[in-house]
């Protein structure tokens, strides 16, 4: 790959609404610019997501920007997502600034004008640092570009584009319908100064014969006076990590025959569902997300995932009968393993006397592990290397949690993992019952082999190389977008 030195203006992908495909399109262009010899990096000033990741220096960013950095072939950094909002309830978010939590805020407090300039300076400074190191910066907006009621306090869309001097590409989802109204309305609701920055329109998620939309392209261009840079078809055969867990409950809902059935418990505040991506793609496994008690009891392996509000999710599991089903599945021979909040849930109790997560001060856990958890105000975020069950193989993962979990009185210490710095993690009861704080533990082949070992009689397919698989998917995505976008026009716009 020949490196190029020509400087490009930043490019920013904004949307007519949420879930139009901005994150994936941003990933595609990060890979395209890398393939073309540039040194790109992603940037999203403000992200709202429960799915986060830890940078190499132990700080927290949105997982989507970590994925985009991976597509760009660069290490992720907090400058790529300086402001992360992690919902703890429907109306309250934990605010993570430059990788560190700075407190919880109610939505009406967060979006007030007071103190806004301090946040604006933080995100623009992060962009400026990034722009000095990378060429080009591939930016992403949030939600709709035309939330005119929030214009005065917007940090992530047009004010950010104007600060960066970015070429703005408006992404519209034609699959949901109303593409003409959404594109025209989005452009017309912008202020005149903002409209000058919109240099192109990308129609995303098209189904059918693209030739039938040629007249539609001309209509959009005539209405808006902005060129359509491409129509990107809907795809089914490319696997890119999703930013949100919204679609999980529609994925693989039932147990099936001939493979190891793995049920991931579907929590309301489920976080870091990407912990299970490797298992989901493993040909030996059928993985599904569910809170259906029957489907949990049919599973060979039940995984209890992380949660941004462990006590609220534990309360709901006890209320809806899922807690009893998990315990019943274990008693009937299933493996039950927990990650982070799921590890806390599997213990004897979870306590929150200082109301770090919720108003609930204490709840009994599932009682599967002899441990107790107390929530603490200081968040742990770090990359880790560890030995799993004393193995000589070095495994990798990361921690993001606010609780401390210890064995109950008189319980025999039985750590699952030992860190490079000699700390201990998790609890190992037996080969079918254990928990850990380490996200990404299932990205390690030795751990998956151990998890599946009790079901060896059903294993025929060999595991696959997930890192190589992801690289292949980024290349496939880039090829797909490149085929349907006028890249010569994009480079002219950015030059």
Protein backbone atom coordinates (compact mmCIF):
# COMPACT_ATOMS: atom_id res chain seq x y z
CA UNK A 1 0.00 0.00 0.00
CA UNK A 2 1.64 3.22 -1.16
CA UNK A 3 1.32 6.12 1.28
CA UNK A 4 0.04 9.41 -0.11
CA UNK A 5 0.85 12.86 1.23
CA UNK A 6 -1.96 14.89 -0.35
CA UNK A 7 -4.01 16.54 2.40
CA UNK A 8 -7.74 15.96 2.35
CA UNK A 9 -10.41 17.95 4.12
CA UNK A 10 -12.23 16.08 6.88
CA UNK A 11 -15.39 14.33 5.74
CA UNK A 12 -18.44 14.01 7.98
CA UNK A 13 -21.29 11.54 7.59
CA UNK A 14 -24.51 12.85 9.11
CA UNK A 15 -27.98 11.36 8.97
CA UNK A 16 -31.58 12.16 8.22
CA UNK A 17 -32.28 10.21 11.41
CA UNK A 18 -30.98 7.52 13.73
CA UNK A 19 -30.08 4.05 12.42
CA UNK A 20 -29.62 5.15 8.80
CA UNK A 21 -26.21 3.46 8.70
CA UNK A 22 -23.81 6.30 9.54
CA UNK A 23 -21.52 4.17 11.70
CA UNK A 24 -21.09 1.44 9.10
CA UNK A 25 -20.60 3.95 6.27
CA UNK A 26 -17.95 5.69 8.39
CA UNK A 27 -16.21 2.34 8.92
CA UNK A 28 -16.32 1.70 5.16
CA UNK A 29 -14.66 5.03 4.33
CA UNK A 30 -12.04 4.53 7.04
CA UNK A 31 -11.05 1.29 5.28
CA UNK A 32 -11.29 2.82 1.76
CA UNK A 33 -8.96 5.71 2.66
CA UNK A 34 -6.56 3.25 4.27
CA UNK A 35 -6.62 1.08 1.13
CA UNK A 36 -5.93 4.17 -0.98
CA UNK A 37 -2.76 4.98 0.97
CA UNK A 38 -4.04 7.62 3.38
CA UNK A 39 -3.72 7.60 7.19
CA UNK A 40 -7.35 8.06 8.34
CA UNK A 41 -8.92 8.09 11.79
CA UNK A 42 -12.56 8.20 12.93
CA UNK A 43 -14.15 10.90 15.09
CA UNK A 44 -17.53 11.26 16.79
CA UNK A 45 -17.75 14.17 19.20
CA UNK A 46 -20.59 12.71 21.24
CA UNK A 47 -21.85 9.15 21.27
CA UNK A 48 -24.70 7.62 23.26
CA UNK A 49 -24.22 3.87 23.69
CA UNK A 50 -23.99 1.13 26.27
CA UNK A 51 -21.42 -0.65 24.14
CA UNK A 52 -18.00 0.72 25.01
CA UNK A 53 -14.35 -0.23 24.70
CA UNK A 54 -11.10 0.44 26.55
CA UNK A 55 -8.25 2.20 24.75
CA UNK A 56 -4.64 0.99 25.04
CA UNK A 57 -4.06 3.60 27.79
CA UNK A 58 -7.00 2.32 29.85
CA UNK A 59 -9.69 4.90 29.00
CA UNK A 60 -13.25 4.41 27.74
CA UNK A 61 -14.77 5.24 24.34
CA UNK A 62 -17.77 4.11 22.30
CA UNK A 63 -17.28 0.68 20.74
CA UNK A 64 -18.32 2.02 17.32
CA UNK A 65 -15.28 4.32 17.19
CA UNK A 66 -13.03 1.42 18.24
CA UNK A 67 -14.44 -0.58 15.31
CA UNK A 68 -13.89 2.34 12.94
CA UNK A 69 -10.31 2.71 14.18
CA UNK A 70 -9.82 -1.00 13.53
CA UNK A 71 -11.10 -0.49 9.98
CA UNK A 72 -8.67 2.43 9.61
CA UNK A 73 -5.81 0.28 10.92
CA UNK A 74 -4.94 2.61 13.81
CA UNK A 75 -5.06 2.26 17.62
CA UNK A 76 -8.21 3.66 19.19
CA UNK A 77 -7.92 6.80 21.35
CA UNK A 78 -10.29 8.92 23.44
CA UNK A 79 -9.82 11.80 20.98
CA UNK A 80 -11.88 9.72 18.54
CA UNK A 81 -14.89 9.88 20.92
CA UNK A 82 -14.26 12.50 23.61
CA UNK A 83 -17.82 12.50 24.95
CA UNK A 84 -19.66 9.24 25.67
CA UNK A 85 -23.12 9.05 27.24
CA UNK A 86 -24.03 5.70 28.83
CA UNK A 87 -27.73 5.45 29.79
CA UNK A 88 -28.32 4.13 33.30
CA UNK A 89 -32.11 4.69 33.17
CA UNK A 90 -34.50 6.02 30.52
CA UNK A 91 -33.71 9.59 31.60
CA UNK A 92 -30.26 9.49 33.23
CA UNK A 93 -26.83 8.94 31.63
CA UNK A 94 -23.35 8.49 32.94
CA UNK A 95 -21.20 11.14 31.26
CA UNK A 96 -17.73 9.95 30.19
CA UNK A 97 -15.45 12.82 29.16
CA UNK A 98 -12.07 12.11 27.56
CA UNK A 99 -12.34 8.51 28.70
CA UNK A 100 -13.23 9.10 32.35
CA UNK A 101 -16.66 9.27 34.04
CA UNK A 102 -17.49 12.75 35.36
CA UNK A 103 -20.88 11.95 36.89
CA UNK A 104 -24.49 11.09 36.10
CA UNK A 105 -26.81 13.64 34.57
CA UNK A 106 -30.52 13.81 33.86
CA UNK A 107 -31.26 14.51 30.19
CA UNK A 108 -32.72 17.96 30.90
CA UNK A 109 -29.58 18.87 32.88
CA UNK A 110 -27.23 17.63 30.19
CA UNK A 111 -28.90 19.55 27.37
CA UNK A 112 -29.11 22.89 29.15
CA UNK A 113 -27.06 25.79 27.80
CA UNK A 114 -25.16 26.39 31.05
CA UNK A 115 -21.74 24.73 30.97
CA UNK A 116 -22.15 23.79 27.32
CA UNK A 117 -19.14 25.75 26.14
CA UNK A 118 -16.85 23.74 28.42
CA UNK A 119 -18.01 20.52 26.70
CA UNK A 120 -17.80 22.18 23.29
CA UNK A 121 -14.18 23.14 23.94
CA UNK A 122 -13.38 19.58 25.06
CA UNK A 123 -14.72 18.01 21.87
CA UNK A 124 -13.24 20.59 19.51
CA UNK A 125 -9.84 20.29 21.21
CA UNK A 126 -10.02 16.51 20.77
CA UNK A 127 -10.77 16.95 17.06
CA UNK A 128 -7.90 19.42 16.64
CA UNK A 129 -5.44 16.99 18.22
CA UNK A 130 -6.68 14.19 15.96
CA UNK A 131 -6.53 16.34 12.81
CA UNK A 132 -2.85 17.05 13.47
CA UNK A 133 -2.05 13.33 13.47
CA UNK A 134 -4.29 11.85 10.77
CA UNK A 135 -5.31 12.49 7.16
CA UNK A 136 -8.23 12.52 6.68
CA UNK A 137 -10.39 12.56 9.80
CA UNK A 138 -13.59 10.63 9.02
CA UNK A 139 -16.30 12.15 11.19
CA UNK A 140 -19.71 10.86 12.21
CA UNK A 141 -22.76 12.82 13.33
CA UNK A 142 -25.44 11.63 15.72
CA UNK A 143 -29.13 11.03 15.12
CA UNK A 144 -30.75 13.54 12.79
CA UNK A 145 -28.86 16.49 11.37
CA UNK A 146 -31.94 18.69 11.75
CA UNK A 147 -33.02 18.53 15.40
CA UNK A 148 -33.74 22.27 15.35
CA UNK A 149 -34.94 22.30 18.97
CA UNK A 150 -31.41 21.28 20.05
CA UNK A 151 -29.48 23.51 17.63
CA UNK A 152 -28.21 25.88 20.35
CA UNK A 153 -26.69 23.05 22.41
CA UNK A 154 -25.60 20.70 19.59
CA UNK A 155 -22.03 19.46 19.95
CA UNK A 156 -21.89 16.66 17.41
CA UNK A 157 -23.49 17.64 14.10
CA UNK A 158 -23.23 20.91 12.15
CA UNK A 159 -21.40 23.02 14.76
CA UNK A 160 -18.72 20.32 14.82
CA UNK A 161 -18.62 20.18 11.01
CA UNK A 162 -18.19 23.96 10.81
CA UNK A 163 -15.38 23.90 13.37
CA UNK A 164 -13.61 21.16 11.41
CA UNK A 165 -14.26 22.70 7.99
CA UNK A 166 -15.63 19.29 7.02
CA UNK A 167 -17.25 18.19 3.79
CA UNK A 168 -20.62 16.92 4.99
CA UNK A 169 -22.31 13.90 3.38
CA UNK A 170 -25.96 13.38 4.32
CA UNK A 171 -26.88 9.68 4.69
CA UNK A 172 -30.51 8.67 4.12
CA UNK A 173 -32.10 5.25 4.67
CA UNK A 174 -34.32 4.46 1.68
CA UNK A 175 -35.37 1.12 3.18
CA UNK A 176 -37.59 2.78 5.77
CA UNK A 177 -39.37 4.90 3.12
CA UNK A 178 -39.88 8.64 2.80
CA UNK A 179 -36.41 9.25 1.42
CA UNK A 180 -37.35 12.37 -0.58
CA UNK A 181 -39.05 14.05 2.35
CA UNK A 182 -36.33 13.09 4.81
CA UNK A 183 -33.51 14.34 2.55
CA UNK A 184 -35.23 17.55 1.44
CA UNK A 185 -36.57 18.31 4.91
CA UNK A 186 -33.18 17.70 6.53
CA UNK A 187 -31.43 20.05 4.12
CA UNK A 188 -34.09 22.77 4.21
CA UNK A 189 -34.21 22.84 8.02
CA UNK A 190 -30.51 23.69 8.20
CA UNK A 191 -29.48 27.29 8.66
CA UNK A 192 -28.16 28.91 5.48
CA UNK A 193 -24.58 28.90 6.81
CA UNK A 194 -24.85 25.19 7.74
CA UNK A 195 -26.22 24.24 4.32
CA UNK A 196 -23.00 25.44 2.63
CA UNK A 197 -21.11 22.54 4.21
CA UNK A 198 -23.34 19.79 2.84
CA UNK A 199 -21.46 18.59 -0.26
CA UNK A 200 -23.15 15.28 -1.02
CA UNK A 201 -26.03 12.90 -0.35
CA UNK A 202 -25.67 9.14 0.05
CA UNK A 203 -28.75 6.94 -0.27
CA UNK A 204 -28.24 3.86 1.89
CA UNK A 205 -29.87 0.40 2.28
CA UNK A 206 -31.38 0.24 -1.22
CA UNK A 207 -33.20 -2.96 -2.19
CA UNK A 208 -33.92 -3.96 -5.79
CA UNK A 209 -32.71 -2.71 -9.17
CA UNK A 210 -30.80 0.55 -8.68
CA UNK A 211 -31.56 1.58 -12.28
CA UNK A 212 -35.16 2.13 -11.21
CA UNK A 213 -34.04 4.97 -8.93
CA UNK A 214 -32.08 6.94 -11.53
CA UNK A 215 -34.93 9.43 -11.92
CA UNK A 216 -35.09 9.67 -8.11
CA UNK A 217 -31.45 10.68 -7.99
CA UNK A 218 -32.09 13.55 -10.42
CA UNK A 219 -35.14 14.64 -8.42
CA UNK A 220 -33.13 14.78 -5.17
CA UNK A 221 -30.33 16.71 -6.87
CA UNK A 222 -32.78 19.17 -8.45
CA UNK A 223 -34.66 19.66 -5.16
CA UNK A 224 -31.60 20.14 -2.98
CA UNK A 225 -28.95 21.41 -5.35
CA UNK A 226 -26.54 18.83 -3.90
CA UNK A 227 -25.05 15.86 -5.79
CA UNK A 228 -25.92 12.27 -4.87
CA UNK A 229 -22.54 10.56 -4.42
CA UNK A 230 -23.99 7.06 -4.49
CA UNK A 231 -26.75 4.55 -3.77
CA UNK A 232 -25.48 1.79 -1.50
CA UNK A 233 -27.49 -1.46 -1.63
CA UNK A 234 -28.61 -3.32 1.46
CA UNK A 235 -26.27 -6.22 2.24
CA UNK A 236 -26.68 -9.48 4.15
CA UNK A 237 -23.34 -11.20 3.70
CA UNK A 238 -21.01 -8.70 5.38
CA UNK A 239 -20.53 -8.83 9.13
CA UNK A 240 -19.69 -5.54 10.89
CA UNK A 241 -20.22 -5.02 14.62
CA UNK A 242 -23.47 -3.24 15.40
CA UNK A 243 -23.36 -0.14 17.58
CA UNK A 244 -26.53 -0.83 19.56
CA UNK A 245 -28.26 -3.89 20.95
CA UNK A 246 -31.68 -2.95 19.51
CA UNK A 247 -31.73 -5.82 16.99
CA UNK A 248 -30.48 -8.54 19.32
CA UNK A 249 -33.91 -9.79 20.36
CA UNK A 250 -34.78 -10.54 16.74
CA UNK A 251 -31.63 -12.59 16.21
CA UNK A 252 -31.68 -16.40 16.45
CA UNK A 253 -34.48 -16.65 18.97
CA UNK A 254 -34.65 -20.41 19.51
CA UNK A 255 -32.48 -23.38 20.30
CA UNK A 256 -31.62 -25.65 17.39
CA UNK A 257 -30.39 -29.21 16.86
CA UNK A 258 -26.89 -30.32 15.90
CA UNK A 259 -24.88 -27.52 17.51
CA UNK A 260 -24.07 -26.24 20.99
CA UNK A 261 -26.94 -23.94 21.93
CA UNK A 262 -25.77 -20.80 23.72
CA UNK A 263 -28.39 -18.46 25.21
CA UNK A 264 -27.33 -14.91 26.08
CA UNK A 265 -29.75 -13.49 28.62
CA UNK A 266 -31.39 -10.40 27.11
CA UNK A 267 -31.14 -7.64 29.73
CA UNK A 268 -32.81 -4.26 29.54
CA UNK A 269 -29.51 -2.44 30.17
CA UNK A 270 -27.33 -5.01 28.40
CA UNK A 271 -23.88 -3.60 27.63
CA UNK A 272 -20.90 -4.83 25.61
CA UNK A 273 -22.88 -7.47 23.73
CA UNK A 274 -19.86 -7.65 21.43
CA UNK A 275 -18.38 -9.97 24.08
CA UNK A 276 -20.25 -12.74 22.26
CA UNK A 277 -19.38 -11.91 18.64
CA UNK A 278 -16.76 -14.63 18.31
CA UNK A 279 -19.11 -17.29 19.67
CA UNK A 280 -21.89 -16.07 17.40
CA UNK A 281 -19.72 -16.61 14.34
CA UNK A 282 -18.23 -19.92 15.54
CA UNK A 283 -19.55 -22.70 13.24
CA UNK A 284 -19.83 -25.09 16.19
CA UNK A 285 -22.27 -22.85 18.04
CA UNK A 286 -25.85 -21.64 17.71
CA UNK A 287 -26.10 -18.44 19.78
CA UNK A 288 -29.31 -16.57 20.50
CA UNK A 289 -30.42 -13.70 22.75
CA UNK A 290 -33.52 -14.28 24.84
CA UNK A 291 -35.40 -13.57 28.04
CA UNK A 292 -37.84 -16.40 27.35
CA UNK A 293 -37.69 -18.84 30.26
CA UNK A 294 -38.30 -21.92 28.10
CA UNK A 295 -35.51 -21.05 25.67
CA UNK A 296 -33.08 -20.42 28.52
CA UNK A 297 -33.83 -23.83 30.00
CA UNK A 298 -33.26 -25.51 26.61
CA UNK A 299 -29.75 -24.04 26.26
CA UNK A 300 -26.54 -25.98 26.75
CA UNK A 301 -24.76 -22.80 27.85
CA UNK A 302 -26.35 -19.72 29.46
CA UNK A 303 -24.30 -16.53 29.39
CA UNK A 304 -25.26 -13.63 31.66
CA UNK A 305 -23.88 -10.47 30.03
CA UNK A 306 -22.76 -7.10 31.35
CA UNK A 307 -25.23 -4.43 32.41
CA UNK A 308 -25.07 -0.66 32.85
CA UNK A 309 -27.54 -1.01 35.72
CA UNK A 310 -26.93 -4.37 37.39
CA UNK A 311 -29.42 -3.96 40.23
CA UNK A 312 -32.27 -2.87 37.95
CA UNK A 313 -31.60 -5.80 35.62
CA UNK A 314 -31.31 -8.22 38.55
CA UNK A 315 -34.63 -6.95 39.92
CA UNK A 316 -36.26 -7.57 36.53
CA UNK A 317 -34.74 -11.07 36.21
CA UNK A 318 -36.21 -12.00 39.59
CA UNK A 319 -39.58 -10.44 38.71
CA UNK A 320 -40.04 -12.10 35.30
CA UNK A 321 -38.87 -15.59 36.31
CA UNK A 322 -35.67 -15.57 34.26
CA UNK A 323 -33.51 -15.78 37.40
CA UNK A 324 -35.21 -19.02 38.41
CA UNK A 325 -34.83 -20.39 34.87
CA UNK A 326 -31.07 -19.73 34.86
CA UNK A 327 -30.68 -21.56 38.17
CA UNK A 328 -32.90 -24.40 36.91
CA UNK A 329 -30.83 -24.69 33.71
CA UNK A 330 -27.66 -25.03 35.78
CA UNK A 331 -29.18 -27.67 38.04
CA UNK A 332 -30.23 -29.60 34.93
CA UNK A 333 -26.65 -29.69 33.59
CA UNK A 334 -26.22 -26.46 31.60
CA UNK A 335 -23.14 -24.29 31.86
CA UNK A 336 -23.78 -20.82 33.34
CA UNK A 337 -21.11 -18.14 33.00
CA UNK A 338 -21.26 -14.41 33.69
CA UNK A 339 -19.29 -11.45 32.40
CA UNK A 340 -18.95 -8.24 34.43
CA UNK A 341 -22.49 -7.36 35.57
CA UNK A 342 -23.46 -10.95 34.80
CA UNK A 343 -20.71 -12.14 37.16
CA UNK A 344 -22.12 -9.84 39.86
CA UNK A 345 -25.65 -11.19 39.24
CA UNK A 346 -24.46 -14.80 39.67
CA UNK A 347 -23.26 -14.12 43.23
CA UNK A 348 -25.04 -14.22 46.60
CA UNK A 349 -25.95 -10.53 46.67
CA UNK A 350 -25.36 -7.16 45.01
CA UNK A 351 -25.22 -4.10 47.29
CA UNK A 352 -25.38 -0.43 46.36
CA UNK A 353 -25.54 1.49 49.66
CA UNK A 354 -24.28 4.71 48.05
CA UNK A 355 -26.75 4.52 45.13
CA UNK A 356 -23.99 4.44 42.53
CA UNK A 357 -26.29 2.76 39.96
CA UNK A 358 -29.83 2.95 41.30
CA UNK A 359 -32.12 3.57 44.26
CA UNK A 360 -32.05 -0.16 45.09
CA UNK A 361 -29.61 -0.73 47.96
CA UNK A 362 -29.45 -4.53 48.01
CA UNK A 363 -30.76 -7.55 46.14
CA UNK A 364 -30.03 -11.26 46.46
CA UNK A 365 -28.25 -12.63 43.40
CA UNK A 366 -28.74 -15.97 41.69
CA UNK A 367 -26.72 -17.67 44.42
CA UNK A 368 -24.65 -19.70 41.94
CA UNK A 369 -21.26 -18.31 43.02
CA UNK A 370 -20.07 -17.73 46.62
CA UNK A 371 -19.27 -14.06 46.05
CA UNK A 372 -20.74 -10.72 47.07
CA UNK A 373 -20.57 -7.40 45.22
CA UNK A 374 -20.60 -3.82 46.45
CA UNK A 375 -20.96 -0.97 43.97
CA UNK A 376 -18.29 1.71 44.22
CA UNK A 377 -18.13 5.19 42.72
CA UNK A 378 -14.74 4.79 41.03
CA UNK A 379 -14.88 3.14 37.63
CA UNK A 380 -12.20 0.61 36.65
CA UNK A 381 -11.16 0.79 32.98
CA UNK A 382 -8.07 -1.05 31.79
CA UNK A 383 -6.71 -3.43 29.17
CA UNK A 384 -5.49 -6.68 30.68
CA UNK A 385 -3.38 -9.72 29.84
CA UNK A 386 -4.10 -12.79 31.90
CA UNK A 387 -3.74 -16.52 32.39
CA UNK A 388 -7.03 -18.45 32.23
CA UNK A 389 -7.24 -21.21 34.86
CA UNK A 390 -3.47 -21.33 35.20
CA UNK A 391 -2.79 -21.92 31.50
CA UNK A 392 0.53 -20.82 30.01
CA UNK A 393 -1.36 -19.18 27.12
CA UNK A 394 -1.50 -15.37 27.43
CA UNK A 395 -5.05 -14.10 26.95
CA UNK A 396 -6.23 -10.52 26.43
CA UNK A 397 -9.32 -8.51 27.33
CA UNK A 398 -10.44 -5.34 29.11
CA UNK A 399 -12.29 -4.28 32.25
CA UNK A 400 -15.06 -1.65 32.58
CA UNK A 401 -16.89 -1.83 35.91
CA UNK A 402 -17.79 0.08 39.04
CA UNK A 403 -18.23 -2.77 41.53
CA UNK A 404 -15.89 -4.83 43.69
CA UNK A 405 -16.64 -8.55 44.05
CA UNK A 406 -15.11 -10.74 46.75
CA UNK A 407 -15.75 -14.25 48.09
CA UNK A 408 -18.27 -14.46 50.92
CA UNK A 409 -17.07 -15.35 54.39
CA UNK A 410 -15.70 -18.91 54.63
CA UNK A 411 -15.73 -19.36 50.82
CA UNK A 412 -12.60 -20.97 49.40
CA UNK A 413 -10.76 -18.52 47.07
CA UNK A 414 -10.94 -19.83 43.51
CA UNK A 415 -9.93 -17.18 40.94
CA UNK A 416 -10.73 -17.81 37.28
CA UNK A 417 -7.91 -15.65 35.95
CA UNK A 418 -4.53 -14.38 37.08
CA UNK A 419 -3.32 -11.08 35.61
CA UNK A 420 0.19 -10.22 34.48
CA UNK A 421 0.49 -7.93 37.52
CA UNK A 422 -0.51 -10.89 39.78
CA UNK A 423 -4.02 -9.61 40.53
CA UNK A 424 -6.80 -12.20 40.54
CA UNK A 425 -10.11 -12.03 38.69
CA UNK A 426 -13.42 -13.82 38.77
CA UNK A 427 -14.54 -16.99 40.49
CA UNK A 428 -14.35 -20.58 39.25
CA UNK A 429 -16.82 -22.94 40.92
CA UNK A 430 -16.51 -25.76 38.38
CA UNK A 431 -16.25 -26.28 34.62
CA UNK A 432 -19.92 -25.37 34.24
CA UNK A 433 -20.17 -22.38 36.60
CA UNK A 434 -17.85 -19.37 36.65
CA UNK A 435 -17.75 -15.59 36.31
CA UNK A 436 -15.32 -12.84 35.35
CA UNK A 437 -15.00 -9.07 35.08
CA UNK A 438 -13.03 -9.36 31.82
CA UNK A 439 -14.83 -8.22 28.67
CA UNK A 440 -13.49 -9.87 25.54
CA UNK A 441 -12.57 -13.05 27.43
CA UNK A 442 -14.44 -15.05 24.79
CA UNK A 443 -12.24 -13.57 22.05
CA UNK A 444 -9.55 -15.99 23.27
CA UNK A 445 -9.59 -19.42 21.62
CA UNK A 446 -8.44 -21.29 24.72
CA UNK A 447 -11.38 -19.94 26.72
CA UNK A 448 -13.91 -20.89 24.05
CA UNK A 449 -12.39 -24.37 23.80
CA UNK A 450 -12.81 -24.78 27.57
CA UNK A 451 -16.39 -23.51 27.43
CA UNK A 452 -17.35 -25.96 24.69
CA UNK A 453 -15.36 -28.95 25.99
CA UNK A 454 -18.28 -30.54 27.94
CA UNK A 455 -20.17 -30.75 24.63
CA UNK A 456 -17.32 -32.27 22.59
CA UNK A 457 -19.54 -35.05 21.26
CA UNK A 458 -21.41 -32.43 19.18
CA UNK A 459 -18.37 -30.55 17.88
CA UNK A 460 -17.36 -31.32 14.33
CA UNK A 461 -16.45 -27.97 12.74
CA UNK A 462 -13.11 -26.37 13.53
CA UNK A 463 -13.00 -22.89 15.14
CA UNK A 464 -12.07 -19.98 12.93
CA UNK A 465 -9.65 -17.04 13.08
CA UNK A 466 -11.87 -14.14 14.17
CA UNK A 467 -9.25 -11.44 13.63
CA UNK A 468 -8.66 -12.53 10.05
CA UNK A 469 -12.43 -12.80 9.58
CA UNK A 470 -12.94 -9.19 10.72
CA UNK A 471 -10.24 -7.90 8.37
CA UNK A 472 -11.95 -9.73 5.52
CA UNK A 473 -15.28 -8.14 6.45
CA UNK A 474 -13.84 -4.61 6.47
CA UNK A 475 -12.40 -5.22 3.00
CA UNK A 476 -15.72 -6.63 1.77
CA UNK A 477 -17.57 -3.59 3.16
CA UNK A 478 -15.12 -1.20 1.53
CA UNK A 479 -15.47 -3.00 -1.82
CA UNK A 480 -19.27 -2.93 -1.53
CA UNK A 481 -19.38 0.82 -0.85
CA UNK A 482 -16.67 1.63 -3.39
CA UNK A 483 -18.66 -0.13 -6.14
CA UNK A 484 -21.70 2.04 -5.51
CA UNK A 485 -20.19 5.42 -4.65
CA UNK A 486 -18.51 7.90 -7.01
CA UNK A 487 -15.13 7.97 -5.25
CA UNK A 488 -13.67 10.39 -7.82
CA UNK A 489 -16.40 12.84 -6.82
CA UNK A 490 -15.73 12.23 -3.13
CA UNK A 491 -12.01 12.97 -3.58
CA UNK A 492 -12.82 16.12 -5.57
CA UNK A 493 -15.15 17.27 -2.80
CA UNK A 494 -12.49 16.61 -0.15
CA UNK A 495 -9.73 18.33 -2.14
